[in-house]
PDB file of N, CA and C in Angstrom:
ATOM      1  N   MET A   1    -101.008  29.765  66.041  1.00  0.00           N
ATOM      2  CA  MET A   1     -99.882  30.093  66.890  1.00  0.00           C
ATOM      3  C   MET A   1     -99.351  31.474  66.541  1.00  0.00           C
ATOM      4  N   LYS A   2     -98.801  32.128  67.513  1.00  0.00           N
ATOM      5  CA  LYS A   2     -98.158  33.435  67.327  1.00  0.00           C
ATOM      6  C   LYS A   2     -96.649  33.196  67.271  1.00  0.00           C
ATOM      7  N   ILE A   3     -96.091  33.440  66.093  1.00  0.00           N
ATOM      8  CA  ILE A   3     -94.689  33.091  65.837  1.00  0.00           C
ATOM      9  C   ILE A   3     -93.942  34.313  65.325  1.00  0.00           C
ATOM     10  N   VAL A   4     -92.754  34.556  65.872  1.00  0.00           N
ATOM     11  CA  VAL A   4     -91.904  35.611  65.344  1.00  0.00           C
ATOM     12  C   VAL A   4     -90.882  34.975  64.410  1.00  0.00           C
ATOM     13  N   VAL A   5     -90.689  35.611  63.260  1.00  0.00           N
ATOM     14  CA  VAL A   5     -89.649  35.188  62.322  1.00  0.00           C
ATOM     15  C   VAL A   5     -88.571  36.262  62.346  1.00  0.00           C
ATOM     16  N   VAL A   6     -87.424  35.918  62.916  1.00  0.00           N
ATOM     17  CA  VAL A   6     -86.285  36.828  62.969  1.00  0.00           C
ATOM     18  C   VAL A   6     -85.527  36.663  61.654  1.00  0.00           C
ATOM     19  N   GLY A   7     -85.283  37.788  60.992  1.00  0.00           N
ATOM     20  CA  GLY A   7     -84.665  37.742  59.675  1.00  0.00           C
ATOM     21  C   GLY A   7     -85.715  37.678  58.574  1.00  0.00           C
ATOM     22  N   ALA A   8     -86.904  38.142  58.888  1.00  0.00           N
ATOM     23  CA  ALA A   8     -88.028  38.058  57.944  1.00  0.00           C
ATOM     24  C   ALA A   8     -87.828  38.899  56.696  1.00  0.00           C
ATOM     25  N   ALA A   9     -86.906  39.858  56.722  1.00  0.00           N
ATOM     26  CA  ALA A   9     -86.680  40.712  55.555  1.00  0.00           C
ATOM     27  C   ALA A   9     -85.831  40.026  54.489  1.00  0.00           C
ATOM     28  N   GLY A  10     -85.202  38.933  54.847  1.00  0.00           N
ATOM     29  CA  GLY A  10     -84.342  38.233  53.895  1.00  0.00           C
ATOM     30  C   GLY A  10     -85.115  37.259  53.026  1.00  0.00           C
ATOM     31  N   THR A  11     -84.424  36.660  52.095  1.00  0.00           N
ATOM     32  CA  THR A  11     -85.032  35.722  51.150  1.00  0.00           C
ATOM     33  C   THR A  11     -85.619  34.508  51.859  1.00  0.00           C
ATOM     34  N   ILE A  12     -84.846  33.883  52.721  1.00  0.00           N
ATOM     35  CA  ILE A  12     -85.337  32.701  53.434  1.00  0.00           C
ATOM     36  C   ILE A  12     -86.417  33.096  54.429  1.00  0.00           C
ATOM     37  N   GLY A  13     -86.204  34.187  55.152  1.00  0.00           N
ATOM     38  CA  GLY A  13     -87.204  34.641  56.115  1.00  0.00           C
ATOM     39  C   GLY A  13     -88.543  34.955  55.477  1.00  0.00           C
ATOM     40  N   ALA A  14     -88.515  35.557  54.304  1.00  0.00           N
ATOM     41  CA  ALA A  14     -89.764  35.864  53.600  1.00  0.00           C
ATOM     42  C   ALA A  14     -90.498  34.584  53.200  1.00  0.00           C
ATOM     43  N   ALA A  15     -89.754  33.588  52.768  1.00  0.00           N
ATOM     44  CA  ALA A  15     -90.370  32.310  52.385  1.00  0.00           C
ATOM     45  C   ALA A  15     -90.951  31.589  53.597  1.00  0.00           C
ATOM     46  N   VAL A  16     -90.234  31.607  54.706  1.00  0.00           N
ATOM     47  CA  VAL A  16     -90.728  30.981  55.933  1.00  0.00           C
ATOM     48  C   VAL A  16     -91.982  31.700  56.412  1.00  0.00           C
ATOM     49  N   THR A  17     -91.956  33.023  56.379  1.00  0.00           N
ATOM     50  CA  THR A  17     -93.125  33.806  56.778  1.00  0.00           C
ATOM     51  C   THR A  17     -94.331  33.457  55.920  1.00  0.00           C
ATOM     52  N   ALA A  18     -94.145  33.403  54.624  1.00  0.00           N
ATOM     53  CA  ALA A  18     -95.249  33.072  53.718  1.00  0.00           C
ATOM     54  C   ALA A  18     -95.816  31.688  54.023  1.00  0.00           C
ATOM     55  N   ALA A  19     -94.946  30.720  54.286  1.00  0.00           N
ATOM     56  CA  ALA A  19     -95.403  29.365  54.586  1.00  0.00           C
ATOM     57  C   ALA A  19     -96.193  29.317  55.893  1.00  0.00           C
ATOM     58  N   LEU A  20     -95.706  30.021  56.897  1.00  0.00           N
ATOM     59  CA  LEU A  20     -96.420  30.050  58.178  1.00  0.00           C
ATOM     60  C   LEU A  20     -97.779  30.730  58.037  1.00  0.00           C
ATOM     61  N   GLU A  21     -97.803  31.844  57.335  1.00  0.00           N
ATOM     62  CA  GLU A  21     -99.073  32.551  57.137  1.00  0.00           C
ATOM     63  C   GLU A  21    -100.052  31.713  56.309  1.00  0.00           C
ATOM     64  N   ALA A  22     -99.551  30.978  55.351  1.00  0.00           N
ATOM     65  CA  ALA A  22    -100.420  30.110  54.541  1.00  0.00           C
ATOM     66  C   ALA A  22    -101.058  29.025  55.399  1.00  0.00           C
ATOM     67  N   ASN A  23    -100.404  28.700  56.508  1.00  0.00           N
ATOM     68  CA  ASN A  23    -100.945  27.708  57.437  1.00  0.00           C
ATOM     69  C   ASN A  23    -101.677  28.362  58.605  1.00  0.00           C
ATOM     70  N   LYS A  24    -102.079  29.617  58.396  1.00  0.00           N
ATOM     71  CA  LYS A  24    -102.949  30.352  59.327  1.00  0.00           C
ATOM     72  C   LYS A  24    -102.309  30.725  60.662  1.00  0.00           C
ATOM     73  N   HIS A  25    -100.975  30.821  60.689  1.00  0.00           N
ATOM     74  CA  HIS A  25    -100.308  31.284  61.904  1.00  0.00           C
ATOM     75  C   HIS A  25    -100.237  32.802  61.890  1.00  0.00           C
ATOM     76  N   GLU A  26    -100.273  33.392  63.074  1.00  0.00           N
ATOM     77  CA  GLU A  26    -100.030  34.830  63.211  1.00  0.00           C
ATOM     78  C   GLU A  26     -98.517  35.014  63.243  1.00  0.00           C
ATOM     79  N   VAL A  27     -98.001  35.783  62.289  1.00  0.00           N
ATOM     80  CA  VAL A  27     -96.552  35.937  62.169  1.00  0.00           C
ATOM     81  C   VAL A  27     -96.150  37.381  62.447  1.00  0.00           C
ATOM     82  N   ILE A  28     -95.155  37.538  63.293  1.00  0.00           N
ATOM     83  CA  ILE A  28     -94.540  38.842  63.536  1.00  0.00           C
ATOM     84  C   ILE A  28     -93.216  38.822  62.793  1.00  0.00           C
ATOM     85  N   ARG A  29     -93.091  39.731  61.831  1.00  0.00           N
ATOM     86  CA  ARG A  29     -91.849  39.840  61.055  1.00  0.00           C
ATOM     87  C   ARG A  29     -90.883  40.747  61.810  1.00  0.00           C
ATOM     88  N   ALA A  30     -89.671  40.279  62.012  1.00  0.00           N
ATOM     89  CA  ALA A  30     -88.678  41.067  62.734  1.00  0.00           C
ATOM     90  C   ALA A  30     -87.327  40.933  62.045  1.00  0.00           C
ATOM     91  N   SER A  31     -86.563  42.021  62.083  1.00  0.00           N
ATOM     92  CA  SER A  31     -85.202  42.007  61.545  1.00  0.00           C
ATOM     93  C   SER A  31     -84.535  43.311  61.926  1.00  0.00           C
ATOM     94  N   ARG A  32     -83.328  43.508  61.429  1.00  0.00           N
ATOM     95  CA  ARG A  32     -82.661  44.797  61.630  1.00  0.00           C
ATOM     96  C   ARG A  32     -83.351  45.883  60.822  1.00  0.00           C
ATOM     97  N   LYS A  33     -84.102  45.480  59.766  1.00  0.00           N
ATOM     98  CA  LYS A  33     -84.723  46.433  58.850  1.00  0.00           C
ATOM     99  C   LYS A  33     -86.208  46.663  59.125  1.00  0.00           C
ATOM    100  N   LEU A  34     -86.846  45.739  59.827  1.00  0.00           N
ATOM    101  CA  LEU A  34     -88.286  45.810  60.046  1.00  0.00           C
ATOM    102  C   LEU A  34     -88.589  46.054  61.518  1.00  0.00           C
ATOM    103  N   ALA A  35     -89.684  46.748  61.790  1.00  0.00           N
ATOM    104  CA  ALA A  35     -90.146  46.912  63.169  1.00  0.00           C
ATOM    105  C   ALA A  35     -91.133  45.788  63.471  1.00  0.00           C
ATOM    106  N   PRO A  36     -91.064  45.163  64.620  1.00  0.00           N
ATOM    107  CA  PRO A  36     -90.117  45.462  65.696  1.00  0.00           C
ATOM    108  C   PRO A  36     -88.704  45.011  65.325  1.00  0.00           C
ATOM    109  N   ARG A  37     -87.748  45.867  65.613  1.00  0.00           N
ATOM    110  CA  ARG A  37     -86.363  45.622  65.221  1.00  0.00           C
ATOM    111  C   ARG A  37     -85.671  44.695  66.218  1.00  0.00           C
ATOM    112  N   ILE A  38     -84.801  43.851  65.652  1.00  0.00           N
ATOM    113  CA  ILE A  38     -83.948  42.994  66.470  1.00  0.00           C
ATOM    114  C   ILE A  38     -82.642  42.785  65.711  1.00  0.00           C
ATOM    115  N   ASP A  39     -81.554  42.890  66.427  1.00  0.00           N
ATOM    116  CA  ASP A  39     -80.226  42.644  65.862  1.00  0.00           C
ATOM    117  C   ASP A  39     -79.611  41.527  66.690  1.00  0.00           C
ATOM    118  N   ILE A  40     -79.503  40.338  66.107  1.00  0.00           N
ATOM    119  CA  ILE A  40     -79.050  39.182  66.883  1.00  0.00           C
ATOM    120  C   ILE A  40     -77.597  39.284  67.320  1.00  0.00           C
ATOM    121  N   SER A  41     -76.860  40.252  66.796  1.00  0.00           N
ATOM    122  CA  SER A  41     -75.471  40.436  67.225  1.00  0.00           C
ATOM    123  C   SER A  41     -75.368  41.377  68.421  1.00  0.00           C
ATOM    124  N   ASP A  42     -76.511  41.898  68.883  1.00  0.00           N
ATOM    125  CA  ASP A  42     -76.546  42.868  69.974  1.00  0.00           C
ATOM    126  C   ASP A  42     -77.447  42.347  71.098  1.00  0.00           C
ATOM    127  N   PRO A  43     -76.864  41.850  72.194  1.00  0.00           N
ATOM    128  CA  PRO A  43     -77.679  41.310  73.285  1.00  0.00           C
ATOM    129  C   PRO A  43     -78.721  42.293  73.829  1.00  0.00           C
ATOM    130  N   GLU A  44     -78.399  43.583  73.865  1.00  0.00           N
ATOM    131  CA  GLU A  44     -79.369  44.573  74.343  1.00  0.00           C
ATOM    132  C   GLU A  44     -80.565  44.658  73.408  1.00  0.00           C
ATOM    133  N   SER A  45     -80.324  44.569  72.110  1.00  0.00           N
ATOM    134  CA  SER A  45     -81.396  44.579  71.133  1.00  0.00           C
ATOM    135  C   SER A  45     -82.314  43.372  71.329  1.00  0.00           C
ATOM    136  N   ILE A  46     -81.729  42.243  71.594  1.00  0.00           N
ATOM    137  CA  ILE A  46     -82.520  41.026  71.826  1.00  0.00           C
ATOM    138  C   ILE A  46     -83.380  41.199  73.073  1.00  0.00           C
ATOM    139  N   GLY A  47     -82.791  41.728  74.135  1.00  0.00           N
ATOM    140  CA  GLY A  47     -83.543  41.974  75.369  1.00  0.00           C
ATOM    141  C   GLY A  47     -84.698  42.927  75.166  1.00  0.00           C
ATOM    142  N   ARG A  48     -84.439  44.026  74.455  1.00  0.00           N
ATOM    143  CA  ARG A  48     -85.512  45.004  74.179  1.00  0.00           C
ATOM    144  C   ARG A  48     -86.624  44.365  73.361  1.00  0.00           C
ATOM    145  N   PHE A  49     -86.239  43.582  72.376  1.00  0.00           N
ATOM    146  CA  PHE A  49     -87.230  42.943  71.522  1.00  0.00           C
ATOM    147  C   PHE A  49     -88.188  42.075  72.342  1.00  0.00           C
ATOM    148  N   PHE A  50     -87.621  41.193  73.166  1.00  0.00           N
ATOM    149  CA  PHE A  50     -88.476  40.277  73.920  1.00  0.00           C
ATOM    150  C   PHE A  50     -89.184  40.955  75.085  1.00  0.00           C
ATOM    151  N   ALA A  51     -88.723  42.133  75.510  1.00  0.00           N
ATOM    152  CA  ALA A  51     -89.477  42.914  76.487  1.00  0.00           C
ATOM    153  C   ALA A  51     -90.699  43.545  75.823  1.00  0.00           C
ATOM    154  N   GLU A  52     -90.589  43.851  74.544  1.00  0.00           N
ATOM    155  CA  GLU A  52     -91.681  44.488  73.792  1.00  0.00           C
ATOM    156  C   GLU A  52     -92.669  43.475  73.232  1.00  0.00           C
ATOM    157  N   VAL A  53     -92.178  42.382  72.705  1.00  0.00           N
ATOM    158  CA  VAL A  53     -93.027  41.388  72.039  1.00  0.00           C
ATOM    159  C   VAL A  53     -93.319  40.263  73.030  1.00  0.00           C
ATOM    160  N   LYS A  54     -94.585  40.094  73.349  1.00  0.00           N
ATOM    161  CA  LYS A  54     -94.988  39.154  74.405  1.00  0.00           C
ATOM    162  C   LYS A  54     -95.851  38.026  73.845  1.00  0.00           C
ATOM    163  N   ASP A  55     -96.040  37.029  74.685  1.00  0.00           N
ATOM    164  CA  ASP A  55     -96.983  35.941  74.434  1.00  0.00           C
ATOM    165  C   ASP A  55     -96.726  35.206  73.122  1.00  0.00           C
ATOM    166  N   LEU A  56     -95.478  34.885  72.864  1.00  0.00           N
ATOM    167  CA  LEU A  56     -95.131  34.147  71.653  1.00  0.00           C
ATOM    168  C   LEU A  56     -95.275  32.650  71.884  1.00  0.00           C
ATOM    169  N   ASP A  57     -95.665  31.955  70.825  1.00  0.00           N
ATOM    170  CA  ASP A  57     -95.715  30.499  70.861  1.00  0.00           C
ATOM    171  C   ASP A  57     -94.463  29.892  70.238  1.00  0.00           C
ATOM    172  N   GLY A  58     -93.774  30.675  69.412  1.00  0.00           N
ATOM    173  CA  GLY A  58     -92.590  30.148  68.764  1.00  0.00           C
ATOM    174  C   GLY A  58     -91.722  31.236  68.179  1.00  0.00           C
ATOM    175  N   VAL A  59     -90.447  30.910  68.002  1.00  0.00           N
ATOM    176  CA  VAL A  59     -89.477  31.809  67.381  1.00  0.00           C
ATOM    177  C   VAL A  59     -88.742  31.011  66.306  1.00  0.00           C
ATOM    178  N   VAL A  60     -88.692  31.586  65.105  1.00  0.00           N
ATOM    179  CA  VAL A  60     -87.937  30.988  64.014  1.00  0.00           C
ATOM    180  C   VAL A  60     -86.852  31.982  63.631  1.00  0.00           C
ATOM    181  N   SER A  61     -85.614  31.528  63.620  1.00  0.00           N
ATOM    182  CA  SER A  61     -84.515  32.414  63.245  1.00  0.00           C
ATOM    183  C   SER A  61     -84.023  32.084  61.839  1.00  0.00           C
ATOM    184  N   CYS A  62     -84.142  33.077  60.971  1.00  0.00           N
ATOM    185  CA  CYS A  62     -83.611  32.986  59.604  1.00  0.00           C
ATOM    186  C   CYS A  62     -82.562  34.077  59.426  1.00  0.00           C
ATOM    187  N   ALA A  63     -81.999  34.512  60.536  1.00  0.00           N
ATOM    188  CA  ALA A  63     -81.084  35.648  60.531  1.00  0.00           C
ATOM    189  C   ALA A  63     -79.639  35.188  60.614  1.00  0.00           C
ATOM    190  N   GLY A  64     -78.778  36.044  60.184  1.00  0.00           N
ATOM    191  CA  GLY A  64     -77.356  35.793  60.331  1.00  0.00           C
ATOM    192  C   GLY A  64     -76.602  36.094  59.055  1.00  0.00           C
ATOM    193  N   ASP A  65     -75.346  36.337  59.227  1.00  0.00           N
ATOM    194  CA  ASP A  65     -74.461  36.588  58.096  1.00  0.00           C
ATOM    195  C   ASP A  65     -73.517  35.405  57.938  1.00  0.00           C
ATOM    196  N   ALA A  66     -73.138  35.154  56.730  1.00  0.00           N
ATOM    197  CA  ALA A  66     -72.190  34.078  56.452  1.00  0.00           C
ATOM    198  C   ALA A  66     -71.344  34.479  55.255  1.00  0.00           C
ATOM    199  N   ARG A  67     -70.201  33.909  55.190  1.00  0.00           N
ATOM    200  CA  ARG A  67     -69.327  34.120  54.026  1.00  0.00           C
ATOM    201  C   ARG A  67     -69.429  32.888  53.140  1.00  0.00           C
ATOM    202  N   PHE A  68     -69.686  33.131  51.867  1.00  0.00           N
ATOM    203  CA  PHE A  68     -69.872  32.046  50.920  1.00  0.00           C
ATOM    204  C   PHE A  68     -68.739  32.034  49.903  1.00  0.00           C
ATOM    205  N   ALA A  69     -68.230  30.858  49.644  1.00  0.00           N
ATOM    206  CA  ALA A  69     -67.192  30.637  48.641  1.00  0.00           C
ATOM    207  C   ALA A  69     -67.044  29.133  48.494  1.00  0.00           C
ATOM    208  N   PRO A  70     -66.357  28.685  47.460  1.00  0.00           N
ATOM    209  CA  PRO A  70     -66.059  27.253  47.394  1.00  0.00           C
ATOM    210  C   PRO A  70     -65.338  26.829  48.679  1.00  0.00           C
ATOM    211  N   LEU A  71     -65.644  25.645  49.154  1.00  0.00           N
ATOM    212  CA  LEU A  71     -65.125  25.174  50.435  1.00  0.00           C
ATOM    213  C   LEU A  71     -63.610  25.319  50.552  1.00  0.00           C
ATOM    214  N   ASP A  72     -62.900  25.026  49.491  1.00  0.00           N
ATOM    215  CA  ASP A  72     -61.441  25.098  49.569  1.00  0.00           C
ATOM    216  C   ASP A  72     -60.911  26.533  49.554  1.00  0.00           C
ATOM    217  N   LYS A  73     -61.794  27.509  49.367  1.00  0.00           N
ATOM    218  CA  LYS A  73     -61.386  28.917  49.368  1.00  0.00           C
ATOM    219  C   LYS A  73     -61.720  29.620  50.682  1.00  0.00           C
ATOM    220  N   LEU A  74     -62.551  28.997  51.523  1.00  0.00           N
ATOM    221  CA  LEU A  74     -62.912  29.600  52.799  1.00  0.00           C
ATOM    222  C   LEU A  74     -61.766  29.465  53.792  1.00  0.00           C
ATOM    223  N   THR A  75     -61.497  30.538  54.513  1.00  0.00           N
ATOM    224  CA  THR A  75     -60.438  30.535  55.513  1.00  0.00           C
ATOM    225  C   THR A  75     -61.014  30.204  56.886  1.00  0.00           C
ATOM    226  N   ASP A  76     -60.143  29.990  57.849  1.00  0.00           N
ATOM    227  CA  ASP A  76     -60.594  29.786  59.225  1.00  0.00           C
ATOM    228  C   ASP A  76     -61.382  31.002  59.712  1.00  0.00           C
ATOM    229  N   GLU A  77     -60.943  32.188  59.320  1.00  0.00           N
ATOM    230  CA  GLU A  77     -61.636  33.413  59.711  1.00  0.00           C
ATOM    231  C   GLU A  77     -63.046  33.462  59.103  1.00  0.00           C
ATOM    232  N   ASP A  78     -63.178  32.982  57.868  1.00  0.00           N
ATOM    233  CA  ASP A  78     -64.498  32.928  57.236  1.00  0.00           C
ATOM    234  C   ASP A  78     -65.432  32.010  58.017  1.00  0.00           C
ATOM    235  N   PHE A  79     -64.950  30.838  58.390  1.00  0.00           N
ATOM    236  CA  PHE A  79     -65.761  29.911  59.173  1.00  0.00           C
ATOM    237  C   PHE A  79     -66.166  30.531  60.504  1.00  0.00           C
ATOM    238  N   LEU A  80     -65.213  31.160  61.186  1.00  0.00           N
ATOM    239  CA  LEU A  80     -65.495  31.776  62.482  1.00  0.00           C
ATOM    240  C   LEU A  80     -66.505  32.898  62.342  1.00  0.00           C
ATOM    241  N   PHE A  81     -66.392  33.707  61.295  1.00  0.00           N
ATOM    242  CA  PHE A  81     -67.363  34.777  61.050  1.00  0.00           C
ATOM    243  C   PHE A  81     -68.768  34.188  60.943  1.00  0.00           C
ATOM    244  N   SER A  82     -68.906  33.132  60.165  1.00  0.00           N
ATOM    245  CA  SER A  82     -70.211  32.521  59.944  1.00  0.00           C
ATOM    246  C   SER A  82     -70.760  31.900  61.214  1.00  0.00           C
ATOM    247  N   VAL A  83     -69.929  31.230  61.985  1.00  0.00           N
ATOM    248  CA  VAL A  83     -70.369  30.621  63.245  1.00  0.00           C
ATOM    249  C   VAL A  83     -70.830  31.695  64.219  1.00  0.00           C
ATOM    250  N   ASN A  84     -70.121  32.801  64.284  1.00  0.00           N
ATOM    251  CA  ASN A  84     -70.469  33.876  65.213  1.00  0.00           C
ATOM    252  C   ASN A  84     -71.707  34.650  64.794  1.00  0.00           C
ATOM    253  N   ASN A  85     -72.146  34.462  63.591  1.00  0.00           N
ATOM    254  CA  ASN A  85     -73.328  35.165  63.119  1.00  0.00           C
ATOM    255  C   ASN A  85     -74.506  34.233  62.973  1.00  0.00           C
TER     256      ASN A  85
END
């Protein structure tokens, strides 16, 4: 299968990519840092990405930002930031 891993430059994305490749899948690594570039917070970037990258069998998203802290220290704004990313 031809699979794109969005967020492939991160720790989780790299592990997912390695697992997919170990199972003989063709993997396209994508992120804000890698070409082909995609920024999931920018709808135009997403559109450009999928206009450029064709014939995919699957998309795995390991992308996004989150705020980490003990649960009782996270604010409503922290939760909203994480949900929006």
